Amino acid sequence: MASELRGRLRAGFRWTDPGPDTDLLVSDRSGWWRDPLVLDELGPGLAALFSDAEPTVVVSPEVTGFLVGPLVARALGVGFVEAYRAGARRPIAEPMAWAAVPADHRGDQQHLGLRSRLIGLDDRVLVVDDWAATGAQARGLYTLVESLGAKAVGTAVIVDECDPAVSAELRIRGLLTGEDLS
């Protein structure tokens, strides 16, 4: 089934041209969310990348991570914790732990936060996201998770576009590479 999932992911993806004001193409992943087979198989497919890691919780950054993370958590039979972006620091009426994220693929620095009470000292955290381009979010989330006394066991993504050395260092595993979508 993994090869069928990868084929459906490639088929449901496209690059779009946002217009004459930029020379960058924008990824359009909306076809993934429209395909019921992708939705059915994505959680188990990403969970299988870390079946040996025995995670106790999945952590994912907003926005797309809030869709993908619960699918993986359900496949693993563990809970899910949201990592909020600080750009619009919402008032959250409970203690939050925050960490700076190194500059991302656009050169932007962000901050991610977790509800402190939801990550325990014995937790083995699997970070899940749709795309890893530089590993910056994984690195920031590892720092955050470890500041709460938990252990980050790796990052499962749909697309791993990181330099192989970064992927190895941060234990990033993907269903596809950037080359699969070119």
N, C-alpha and C. Protein backbone atom coordinates (compact mmCIF):
# COMPACT_ATOMS: atom_id res chain seq x y z
N MET A 1 0.81 -1.20 0.00
CA MET A 1 0.00 0.00 0.00
C MET A 1 0.86 1.27 0.00
N ALA A 2 2.08 1.20 0.53
CA ALA A 2 2.94 2.39 0.60
C ALA A 2 3.23 2.94 -0.78
N SER A 3 3.47 2.08 -1.77
CA SER A 3 3.76 2.58 -3.11
C SER A 3 2.51 3.20 -3.73
N GLU A 4 1.33 2.65 -3.43
CA GLU A 4 0.08 3.26 -3.93
C GLU A 4 -0.13 4.63 -3.29
N LEU A 5 0.14 4.74 -2.00
CA LEU A 5 0.01 6.04 -1.32
C LEU A 5 0.96 7.05 -1.93
N ARG A 6 2.20 6.66 -2.13
CA ARG A 6 3.17 7.59 -2.72
C ARG A 6 2.70 8.04 -4.12
N GLY A 7 2.17 7.12 -4.89
CA GLY A 7 1.66 7.47 -6.21
C GLY A 7 0.50 8.45 -6.14
N ARG A 8 -0.40 8.23 -5.19
CA ARG A 8 -1.54 9.14 -5.03
C ARG A 8 -1.07 10.52 -4.56
N LEU A 9 -0.06 10.54 -3.68
CA LEU A 9 0.48 11.83 -3.22
C LEU A 9 1.08 12.59 -4.39
N ARG A 10 1.85 11.91 -5.23
CA ARG A 10 2.43 12.57 -6.41
C ARG A 10 1.33 13.07 -7.35
N ALA A 11 0.32 12.25 -7.56
CA ALA A 11 -0.76 12.62 -8.48
C ALA A 11 -1.61 13.79 -7.95
N GLY A 12 -1.76 13.89 -6.64
CA GLY A 12 -2.59 14.93 -6.05
C GLY A 12 -1.88 16.24 -5.80
N PHE A 13 -0.62 16.33 -6.19
CA PHE A 13 0.20 17.52 -5.93
C PHE A 13 0.44 18.28 -7.22
N ARG A 14 0.55 19.61 -7.09
CA ARG A 14 0.97 20.41 -8.25
C ARG A 14 1.65 21.68 -7.77
N TRP A 15 2.49 22.21 -8.63
CA TRP A 15 3.12 23.50 -8.40
C TRP A 15 2.28 24.55 -9.11
N THR A 16 2.05 25.69 -8.48
CA THR A 16 1.27 26.76 -9.10
C THR A 16 2.12 28.02 -9.20
N ASP A 17 1.85 28.80 -10.22
CA ASP A 17 2.54 30.08 -10.45
C ASP A 17 1.67 31.19 -9.88
N PRO A 18 2.15 31.88 -8.83
CA PRO A 18 1.33 32.91 -8.21
C PRO A 18 1.23 34.21 -9.02
N GLY A 19 1.95 34.29 -10.12
CA GLY A 19 1.83 35.49 -10.95
C GLY A 19 3.16 36.15 -11.25
N PRO A 20 3.10 37.27 -11.95
CA PRO A 20 4.33 37.90 -12.45
C PRO A 20 5.20 38.58 -11.40
N ASP A 21 4.70 38.76 -10.18
CA ASP A 21 5.48 39.46 -9.16
C ASP A 21 6.49 38.58 -8.46
N THR A 22 6.55 37.30 -8.81
CA THR A 22 7.49 36.39 -8.17
C THR A 22 7.97 35.34 -9.16
N ASP A 23 9.16 34.83 -8.91
CA ASP A 23 9.67 33.75 -9.75
C ASP A 23 9.61 32.41 -9.01
N LEU A 24 8.97 32.40 -7.85
CA LEU A 24 8.82 31.17 -7.06
C LEU A 24 7.49 30.50 -7.36
N LEU A 25 7.51 29.20 -7.43
CA LEU A 25 6.27 28.44 -7.54
C LEU A 25 5.78 28.11 -6.14
N VAL A 26 4.48 27.93 -6.01
CA VAL A 26 3.87 27.63 -4.72
C VAL A 26 3.32 26.21 -4.77
N SER A 27 3.54 25.47 -3.70
CA SER A 27 3.05 24.09 -3.65
C SER A 27 1.55 24.08 -3.39
N ASP A 28 0.84 23.27 -4.14
CA ASP A 28 -0.60 23.09 -3.95
C ASP A 28 -0.84 21.64 -3.54
N ARG A 29 -1.12 21.44 -2.25
CA ARG A 29 -1.33 20.12 -1.69
C ARG A 29 -2.81 19.80 -1.51
N SER A 30 -3.68 20.65 -2.02
CA SER A 30 -5.12 20.48 -1.79
C SER A 30 -5.64 19.16 -2.36
N GLY A 31 -5.02 18.64 -3.40
CA GLY A 31 -5.43 17.35 -3.95
C GLY A 31 -5.25 16.21 -2.98
N TRP A 32 -4.29 16.35 -2.05
CA TRP A 32 -4.08 15.31 -1.04
C TRP A 32 -5.31 15.20 -0.15
N TRP A 33 -5.84 16.34 0.28
CA TRP A 33 -6.92 16.34 1.26
C TRP A 33 -8.25 15.96 0.62
N ARG A 34 -8.33 16.05 -0.72
CA ARG A 34 -9.57 15.70 -1.43
C ARG A 34 -9.67 14.19 -1.68
N ASP A 35 -8.54 13.51 -1.61
CA ASP A 35 -8.49 12.09 -1.95
C ASP A 35 -8.73 11.24 -0.71
N PRO A 36 -9.85 10.50 -0.63
CA PRO A 36 -10.14 9.72 0.57
C PRO A 36 -9.12 8.61 0.83
N LEU A 37 -8.51 8.06 -0.21
CA LEU A 37 -7.49 7.03 0.02
C LEU A 37 -6.27 7.64 0.70
N VAL A 38 -5.88 8.84 0.28
CA VAL A 38 -4.75 9.52 0.93
C VAL A 38 -5.08 9.75 2.40
N LEU A 39 -6.28 10.26 2.68
CA LEU A 39 -6.66 10.50 4.07
C LEU A 39 -6.69 9.21 4.89
N ASP A 40 -7.10 8.13 4.26
CA ASP A 40 -7.17 6.84 4.95
C ASP A 40 -5.80 6.25 5.22
N GLU A 41 -4.87 6.41 4.30
CA GLU A 41 -3.57 5.75 4.39
C GLU A 41 -2.44 6.64 4.90
N LEU A 42 -2.66 7.94 4.96
CA LEU A 42 -1.57 8.85 5.34
C LEU A 42 -1.10 8.62 6.78
N GLY A 43 -2.02 8.50 7.71
CA GLY A 43 -1.64 8.27 9.11
C GLY A 43 -0.83 7.00 9.27
N PRO A 44 -1.34 5.86 8.81
CA PRO A 44 -0.56 4.63 8.92
C PRO A 44 0.76 4.69 8.14
N GLY A 45 0.76 5.35 6.99
CA GLY A 45 2.00 5.46 6.21
C GLY A 45 3.08 6.23 6.93
N LEU A 46 2.71 7.36 7.53
CA LEU A 46 3.69 8.15 8.28
C LEU A 46 4.07 7.45 9.58
N ALA A 47 3.13 6.83 10.24
CA ALA A 47 3.42 6.10 11.49
C ALA A 47 4.41 4.97 11.23
N ALA A 48 4.29 4.32 10.10
CA ALA A 48 5.19 3.20 9.78
C ALA A 48 6.64 3.64 9.65
N LEU A 49 6.87 4.92 9.34
CA LEU A 49 8.25 5.42 9.23
C LEU A 49 8.97 5.36 10.57
N PHE A 50 8.20 5.34 11.68
CA PHE A 50 8.79 5.32 13.02
C PHE A 50 8.19 4.21 13.88
N SER A 51 7.84 3.10 13.26
CA SER A 51 7.23 2.00 14.01
C SER A 51 8.16 1.45 15.08
N ASP A 52 9.46 1.62 14.90
CA ASP A 52 10.44 1.12 15.86
C ASP A 52 10.70 2.09 17.02
N ALA A 53 10.17 3.30 16.96
CA ALA A 53 10.51 4.35 17.93
C ALA A 53 9.61 4.38 19.16
N GLU A 54 8.49 3.70 19.13
CA GLU A 54 7.55 3.64 20.25
C GLU A 54 7.19 5.01 20.83
N PRO A 55 6.71 5.93 19.97
CA PRO A 55 6.32 7.25 20.50
C PRO A 55 5.10 7.13 21.41
N THR A 56 5.00 8.06 22.36
CA THR A 56 3.86 8.10 23.26
C THR A 56 2.92 9.25 22.93
N VAL A 57 3.37 10.18 22.09
CA VAL A 57 2.55 11.33 21.71
C VAL A 57 3.08 11.89 20.39
N VAL A 58 2.18 12.49 19.62
CA VAL A 58 2.54 13.17 18.38
C VAL A 58 2.39 14.67 18.60
N VAL A 59 3.37 15.45 18.16
CA VAL A 59 3.32 16.90 18.21
C VAL A 59 3.45 17.42 16.78
N SER A 60 2.58 18.35 16.41
CA SER A 60 2.61 18.92 15.07
C SER A 60 2.38 20.42 15.12
N PRO A 61 3.09 21.15 14.25
CA PRO A 61 2.89 22.61 14.18
C PRO A 61 1.67 22.95 13.33
N GLU A 62 1.05 24.09 13.68
CA GLU A 62 -0.04 24.54 12.84
C GLU A 62 0.54 25.02 11.51
N VAL A 63 -0.13 24.98 10.47
CA VAL A 63 -1.53 24.75 10.24
C VAL A 63 -1.74 23.32 9.73
N THR A 64 -1.00 22.92 8.73
CA THR A 64 -1.23 21.61 8.13
C THR A 64 -0.93 20.48 9.10
N GLY A 65 -0.02 20.71 10.03
CA GLY A 65 0.27 19.69 11.03
C GLY A 65 -0.94 19.33 11.87
N PHE A 66 -1.88 20.27 12.02
CA PHE A 66 -3.09 19.99 12.79
C PHE A 66 -4.00 19.01 12.05
N LEU A 67 -3.81 18.86 10.76
CA LEU A 67 -4.55 17.86 10.00
C LEU A 67 -3.80 16.53 9.99
N VAL A 68 -2.51 16.58 9.70
CA VAL A 68 -1.72 15.36 9.53
C VAL A 68 -1.41 14.70 10.87
N GLY A 69 -1.07 15.48 11.87
CA GLY A 69 -0.69 14.93 13.18
C GLY A 69 -1.73 14.00 13.79
N PRO A 70 -3.01 14.40 13.86
CA PRO A 70 -4.01 13.49 14.43
C PRO A 70 -4.17 12.19 13.64
N LEU A 71 -3.96 12.23 12.33
CA LEU A 71 -4.05 10.99 11.55
C LEU A 71 -2.97 10.01 11.98
N VAL A 72 -1.77 10.53 12.23
CA VAL A 72 -0.65 9.69 12.66
C VAL A 72 -0.86 9.23 14.09
N ALA A 73 -1.30 10.13 14.96
CA ALA A 73 -1.55 9.77 16.35
C ALA A 73 -2.58 8.64 16.43
N ARG A 74 -3.62 8.74 15.65
CA ARG A 74 -4.65 7.70 15.65
C ARG A 74 -4.07 6.37 15.19
N ALA A 75 -3.23 6.41 14.14
CA ALA A 75 -2.62 5.17 13.64
C ALA A 75 -1.70 4.54 14.68
N LEU A 76 -1.05 5.37 15.48
CA LEU A 76 -0.14 4.87 16.51
C LEU A 76 -0.85 4.50 17.81
N GLY A 77 -2.09 4.95 17.96
CA GLY A 77 -2.81 4.72 19.21
C GLY A 77 -2.30 5.58 20.36
N VAL A 78 -1.85 6.81 20.01
CA VAL A 78 -1.34 7.74 21.03
C VAL A 78 -2.09 9.06 20.90
N GLY A 79 -1.80 9.98 21.80
CA GLY A 79 -2.44 11.29 21.77
C GLY A 79 -1.73 12.27 20.85
N PHE A 80 -2.34 13.45 20.72
CA PHE A 80 -1.85 14.51 19.84
C PHE A 80 -1.79 15.82 20.61
N VAL A 81 -0.71 16.59 20.39
CA VAL A 81 -0.56 17.90 21.00
C VAL A 81 -0.23 18.91 19.91
N GLU A 82 -0.96 20.04 19.91
CA GLU A 82 -0.74 21.09 18.93
C GLU A 82 0.42 21.98 19.33
N ALA A 83 1.24 22.35 18.33
CA ALA A 83 2.29 23.35 18.53
C ALA A 83 1.83 24.62 17.81
N TYR A 84 1.56 25.66 18.60
CA TYR A 84 1.04 26.91 18.05
C TYR A 84 2.16 27.82 17.58
N ARG A 85 1.88 28.59 16.54
CA ARG A 85 2.82 29.61 16.07
C ARG A 85 2.56 30.89 16.86
N ALA A 86 3.64 31.58 17.19
CA ALA A 86 3.53 32.78 18.02
C ALA A 86 3.17 34.01 17.22
N GLY A 87 3.15 33.92 15.90
CA GLY A 87 2.84 35.09 15.10
C GLY A 87 1.57 35.79 15.53
N ALA A 88 0.58 35.02 15.88
CA ALA A 88 -0.68 35.58 16.37
C ALA A 88 -0.86 35.02 17.78
N ARG A 89 0.02 35.37 18.68
CA ARG A 89 -0.03 34.82 20.05
C ARG A 89 -1.43 34.95 20.61
N ARG A 90 -2.15 33.89 20.50
CA ARG A 90 -3.51 33.86 21.00
C ARG A 90 -3.46 33.82 22.53
N PRO A 91 -4.41 34.43 23.14
CA PRO A 91 -4.46 34.26 24.60
C PRO A 91 -4.88 32.83 24.92
N ILE A 92 -3.99 32.11 25.53
CA ILE A 92 -4.28 30.75 25.96
C ILE A 92 -4.16 30.77 27.47
N ALA A 93 -5.24 30.42 28.14
CA ALA A 93 -5.33 30.59 29.59
C ALA A 93 -4.69 29.43 30.35
N GLU A 94 -3.48 29.09 29.98
CA GLU A 94 -2.74 28.08 30.72
C GLU A 94 -1.27 28.22 30.35
N PRO A 95 -0.39 27.63 31.16
CA PRO A 95 1.04 27.77 30.89
C PRO A 95 1.44 27.18 29.55
N MET A 96 2.23 27.96 28.83
CA MET A 96 2.77 27.54 27.52
C MET A 96 4.29 27.60 27.60
N ALA A 97 4.92 26.68 26.90
CA ALA A 97 6.37 26.71 26.73
C ALA A 97 6.61 27.13 25.28
N TRP A 98 7.55 28.06 25.07
CA TRP A 98 7.82 28.60 23.73
C TRP A 98 9.28 28.38 23.38
N ALA A 99 9.53 28.21 22.09
CA ALA A 99 10.91 28.08 21.60
C ALA A 99 11.02 28.78 20.26
N ALA A 100 12.17 29.41 20.04
CA ALA A 100 12.45 30.02 18.74
C ALA A 100 12.76 28.93 17.74
N VAL A 101 12.29 29.12 16.53
CA VAL A 101 12.58 28.20 15.44
C VAL A 101 13.63 28.88 14.58
N PRO A 102 14.72 28.19 14.25
CA PRO A 102 15.71 28.80 13.36
C PRO A 102 15.04 29.25 12.06
N ALA A 103 15.66 30.18 11.37
CA ALA A 103 15.10 30.71 10.13
C ALA A 103 14.69 29.56 9.20
N ASP A 104 13.48 29.68 8.64
CA ASP A 104 12.96 28.64 7.76
C ASP A 104 13.40 28.86 6.31
N HIS A 105 12.80 28.12 5.38
CA HIS A 105 13.19 28.19 3.97
C HIS A 105 12.95 29.56 3.35
N ARG A 106 12.11 30.39 3.99
CA ARG A 106 11.88 31.76 3.50
C ARG A 106 12.76 32.76 4.24
N GLY A 107 13.53 32.29 5.21
CA GLY A 107 14.36 33.18 6.01
C GLY A 107 13.63 33.79 7.19
N ASP A 108 12.40 33.35 7.44
CA ASP A 108 11.62 33.88 8.56
C ASP A 108 11.92 33.11 9.84
N GLN A 109 12.02 33.84 10.95
CA GLN A 109 12.14 33.17 12.23
C GLN A 109 10.77 33.14 12.88
N GLN A 110 10.44 32.03 13.50
CA GLN A 110 9.14 31.86 14.14
C GLN A 110 9.36 31.41 15.58
N HIS A 111 8.26 31.36 16.31
CA HIS A 111 8.24 30.79 17.65
C HIS A 111 7.10 29.80 17.70
N LEU A 112 7.35 28.65 18.31
CA LEU A 112 6.33 27.62 18.48
C LEU A 112 6.12 27.38 19.96
N GLY A 113 4.86 27.14 20.32
CA GLY A 113 4.54 26.91 21.72
C GLY A 113 3.67 25.70 21.94
N LEU A 114 3.88 25.04 23.08
CA LEU A 114 3.10 23.88 23.49
C LEU A 114 2.49 24.15 24.86
N ARG A 115 1.33 23.59 25.10
CA ARG A 115 0.77 23.61 26.44
C ARG A 115 1.64 22.71 27.32
N SER A 116 2.28 23.30 28.29
CA SER A 116 3.26 22.59 29.13
C SER A 116 2.70 21.34 29.78
N ARG A 117 1.45 21.36 30.21
CA ARG A 117 0.87 20.24 30.94
C ARG A 117 0.66 19.00 30.08
N LEU A 118 0.75 19.14 28.76
CA LEU A 118 0.44 18.02 27.87
C LEU A 118 1.65 17.18 27.48
N ILE A 119 2.84 17.63 27.86
CA ILE A 119 4.06 16.87 27.56
C ILE A 119 4.70 16.49 28.88
N GLY A 120 4.87 15.18 29.09
CA GLY A 120 5.42 14.69 30.35
C GLY A 120 6.87 14.27 30.24
N LEU A 121 7.49 14.07 31.38
CA LEU A 121 8.91 13.70 31.44
C LEU A 121 9.20 12.37 30.76
N ASP A 122 8.26 11.47 30.76
CA ASP A 122 8.48 10.15 30.16
C ASP A 122 8.02 10.07 28.71
N ASP A 123 7.54 11.17 28.15
CA ASP A 123 7.03 11.13 26.78
C ASP A 123 8.14 10.96 25.75
N ARG A 124 7.79 10.17 24.75
CA ARG A 124 8.63 9.97 23.55
C ARG A 124 7.83 10.59 22.42
N VAL A 125 8.30 11.74 21.94
CA VAL A 125 7.53 12.58 21.03
C VAL A 125 7.93 12.35 19.58
N LEU A 126 6.92 12.08 18.76
CA LEU A 126 7.12 12.04 17.31
C LEU A 126 6.57 13.34 16.75
N VAL A 127 7.43 14.10 16.10
CA VAL A 127 7.01 15.33 15.43
C VAL A 127 6.49 14.93 14.05
N VAL A 128 5.37 15.50 13.65
CA VAL A 128 4.76 15.19 12.35
C VAL A 128 4.40 16.48 11.65
N ASP A 129 4.71 16.55 10.36
CA ASP A 129 4.36 17.72 9.56
C ASP A 129 4.19 17.28 8.11
N ASP A 130 3.74 18.19 7.29
CA ASP A 130 3.56 17.83 5.89
C ASP A 130 4.86 17.94 5.10
N TRP A 131 5.74 18.89 5.44
CA TRP A 131 6.90 19.18 4.60
C TRP A 131 8.07 19.60 5.48
N ALA A 132 9.25 19.12 5.17
CA ALA A 132 10.48 19.60 5.82
C ALA A 132 11.42 20.07 4.72
N ALA A 133 11.70 21.37 4.70
CA ALA A 133 12.59 21.95 3.69
C ALA A 133 13.99 22.19 4.24
N THR A 134 14.07 22.66 5.49
CA THR A 134 15.37 22.95 6.10
C THR A 134 15.58 22.21 7.42
N GLY A 135 14.52 21.70 8.00
CA GLY A 135 14.60 21.06 9.32
C GLY A 135 14.43 22.05 10.46
N ALA A 136 14.18 23.32 10.14
CA ALA A 136 14.10 24.36 11.17
C ALA A 136 12.98 24.09 12.18
N GLN A 137 11.80 23.73 11.69
CA GLN A 137 10.69 23.48 12.63
C GLN A 137 10.96 22.26 13.49
N ALA A 138 11.51 21.21 12.89
CA ALA A 138 11.84 20.02 13.68
C ALA A 138 12.85 20.39 14.76
N ARG A 139 13.87 21.13 14.39
CA ARG A 139 14.90 21.54 15.36
C ARG A 139 14.28 22.34 16.49
N GLY A 140 13.42 23.31 16.17
CA GLY A 140 12.76 24.13 17.18
C GLY A 140 11.86 23.30 18.08
N LEU A 141 11.11 22.38 17.49
CA LEU A 141 10.22 21.54 18.30
C LEU A 141 11.01 20.58 19.18
N TYR A 142 12.13 20.06 18.70
CA TYR A 142 12.96 19.20 19.54
C TYR A 142 13.44 19.97 20.75
N THR A 143 13.89 21.21 20.54
CA THR A 143 14.35 22.06 21.65
C THR A 143 13.22 22.26 22.65
N LEU A 144 12.04 22.54 22.14
CA LEU A 144 10.88 22.78 22.99
C LEU A 144 10.49 21.54 23.78
N VAL A 145 10.38 20.41 23.11
CA VAL A 145 10.01 19.15 23.75
C VAL A 145 11.04 18.77 24.82
N GLU A 146 12.30 18.90 24.48
CA GLU A 146 13.36 18.53 25.42
C GLU A 146 13.42 19.49 26.60
N SER A 147 13.02 20.78 26.39
CA SER A 147 12.97 21.72 27.52
C SER A 147 11.90 21.32 28.53
N LEU A 148 10.94 20.52 28.09
CA LEU A 148 9.89 20.03 28.98
C LEU A 148 10.23 18.66 29.57
N GLY A 149 11.43 18.16 29.29
CA GLY A 149 11.90 16.91 29.86
C GLY A 149 11.57 15.67 29.06
N ALA A 150 10.94 15.82 27.90
CA ALA A 150 10.57 14.68 27.06
C ALA A 150 11.68 14.41 26.05
N LYS A 151 11.52 13.34 25.30
CA LYS A 151 12.51 12.96 24.28
C LYS A 151 11.85 13.00 22.90
N ALA A 152 12.49 13.68 21.96
CA ALA A 152 12.04 13.68 20.57
C ALA A 152 12.65 12.46 19.88
N VAL A 153 11.79 11.61 19.30
CA VAL A 153 12.28 10.38 18.67
C VAL A 153 12.47 10.53 17.17
N GLY A 154 11.96 11.61 16.57
CA GLY A 154 12.13 11.83 15.14
C GLY A 154 11.01 12.67 14.58
N THR A 155 11.09 12.89 13.27
CA THR A 155 10.08 13.67 12.55
C THR A 155 9.63 12.91 11.32
N ALA A 156 8.33 12.69 11.21
CA ALA A 156 7.73 12.05 10.05
C ALA A 156 7.05 13.13 9.22
N VAL A 157 7.38 13.19 7.93
CA VAL A 157 6.80 14.18 7.03
C VAL A 157 6.33 13.51 5.75
N ILE A 158 5.44 14.17 5.07
CA ILE A 158 5.02 13.68 3.76
C ILE A 158 6.16 13.89 2.77
N VAL A 159 6.76 15.10 2.77
CA VAL A 159 7.84 15.43 1.85
C VAL A 159 9.07 15.85 2.63
N ASP A 160 10.17 15.15 2.45
CA ASP A 160 11.46 15.51 3.04
C ASP A 160 12.33 16.10 1.94
N GLU A 161 12.53 17.40 2.03
CA GLU A 161 13.33 18.12 1.05
C GLU A 161 14.65 18.61 1.66
N CYS A 162 14.95 18.15 2.87
CA CYS A 162 16.15 18.61 3.57
C CYS A 162 17.42 18.02 2.95
N ASP A 163 18.51 18.69 3.23
CA ASP A 163 19.82 18.14 2.91
C ASP A 163 19.93 16.81 3.64
N PRO A 164 20.46 15.76 3.00
CA PRO A 164 20.53 14.45 3.65
C PRO A 164 21.22 14.46 5.01
N ALA A 165 22.23 15.30 5.18
CA ALA A 165 22.90 15.38 6.48
C ALA A 165 21.96 15.92 7.56
N VAL A 166 21.13 16.90 7.20
CA VAL A 166 20.16 17.46 8.14
C VAL A 166 19.10 16.41 8.47
N SER A 167 18.61 15.71 7.46
CA SER A 167 17.61 14.65 7.70
C SER A 167 18.16 13.58 8.64
N ALA A 168 19.41 13.21 8.43
CA ALA A 168 20.02 12.19 9.29
C ALA A 168 20.18 12.72 10.72
N GLU A 169 20.70 13.93 10.85
CA GLU A 169 20.91 14.52 12.18
C GLU A 169 19.60 14.64 12.96
N LEU A 170 18.54 15.08 12.29
CA LEU A 170 17.26 15.33 12.96
C LEU A 170 16.30 14.15 12.89
N ARG A 171 16.75 13.04 12.32
CA ARG A 171 15.91 11.85 12.20
C ARG A 171 14.60 12.18 11.49
N ILE A 172 14.72 12.86 10.34
CA ILE A 172 13.56 13.19 9.52
C ILE A 172 13.39 12.09 8.48
N ARG A 173 12.20 11.53 8.43
CA ARG A 173 11.88 10.51 7.44
C ARG A 173 10.61 10.93 6.71
N GLY A 174 10.63 10.79 5.38
CA GLY A 174 9.48 11.20 4.58
C GLY A 174 8.98 10.12 3.65
N LEU A 175 7.73 10.27 3.25
CA LEU A 175 7.16 9.37 2.26
C LEU A 175 7.66 9.72 0.86
N LEU A 176 7.93 11.02 0.63
CA LEU A 176 8.43 11.51 -0.65
C LEU A 176 9.61 12.42 -0.42
N THR A 177 10.37 12.66 -1.47
CA THR A 177 11.42 13.67 -1.47
C THR A 177 10.97 14.82 -2.37
N GLY A 178 11.68 15.92 -2.31
CA GLY A 178 11.38 17.03 -3.20
C GLY A 178 11.51 16.63 -4.66
N GLU A 179 12.46 15.78 -4.94
CA GLU A 179 12.67 15.32 -6.32
C GLU A 179 11.47 14.53 -6.84
N ASP A 180 10.75 13.86 -5.96
CA ASP A 180 9.56 13.12 -6.37
C ASP A 180 8.46 14.04 -6.92
N LEU A 181 8.53 15.33 -6.57
CA LEU A 181 7.49 16.27 -6.96
C LEU A 181 7.93 17.27 -8.02
N SER A 182 9.14 17.06 -8.59
CA SER A 182 9.60 18.00 -9.61
C SER A 182 9.16 17.63 -10.99
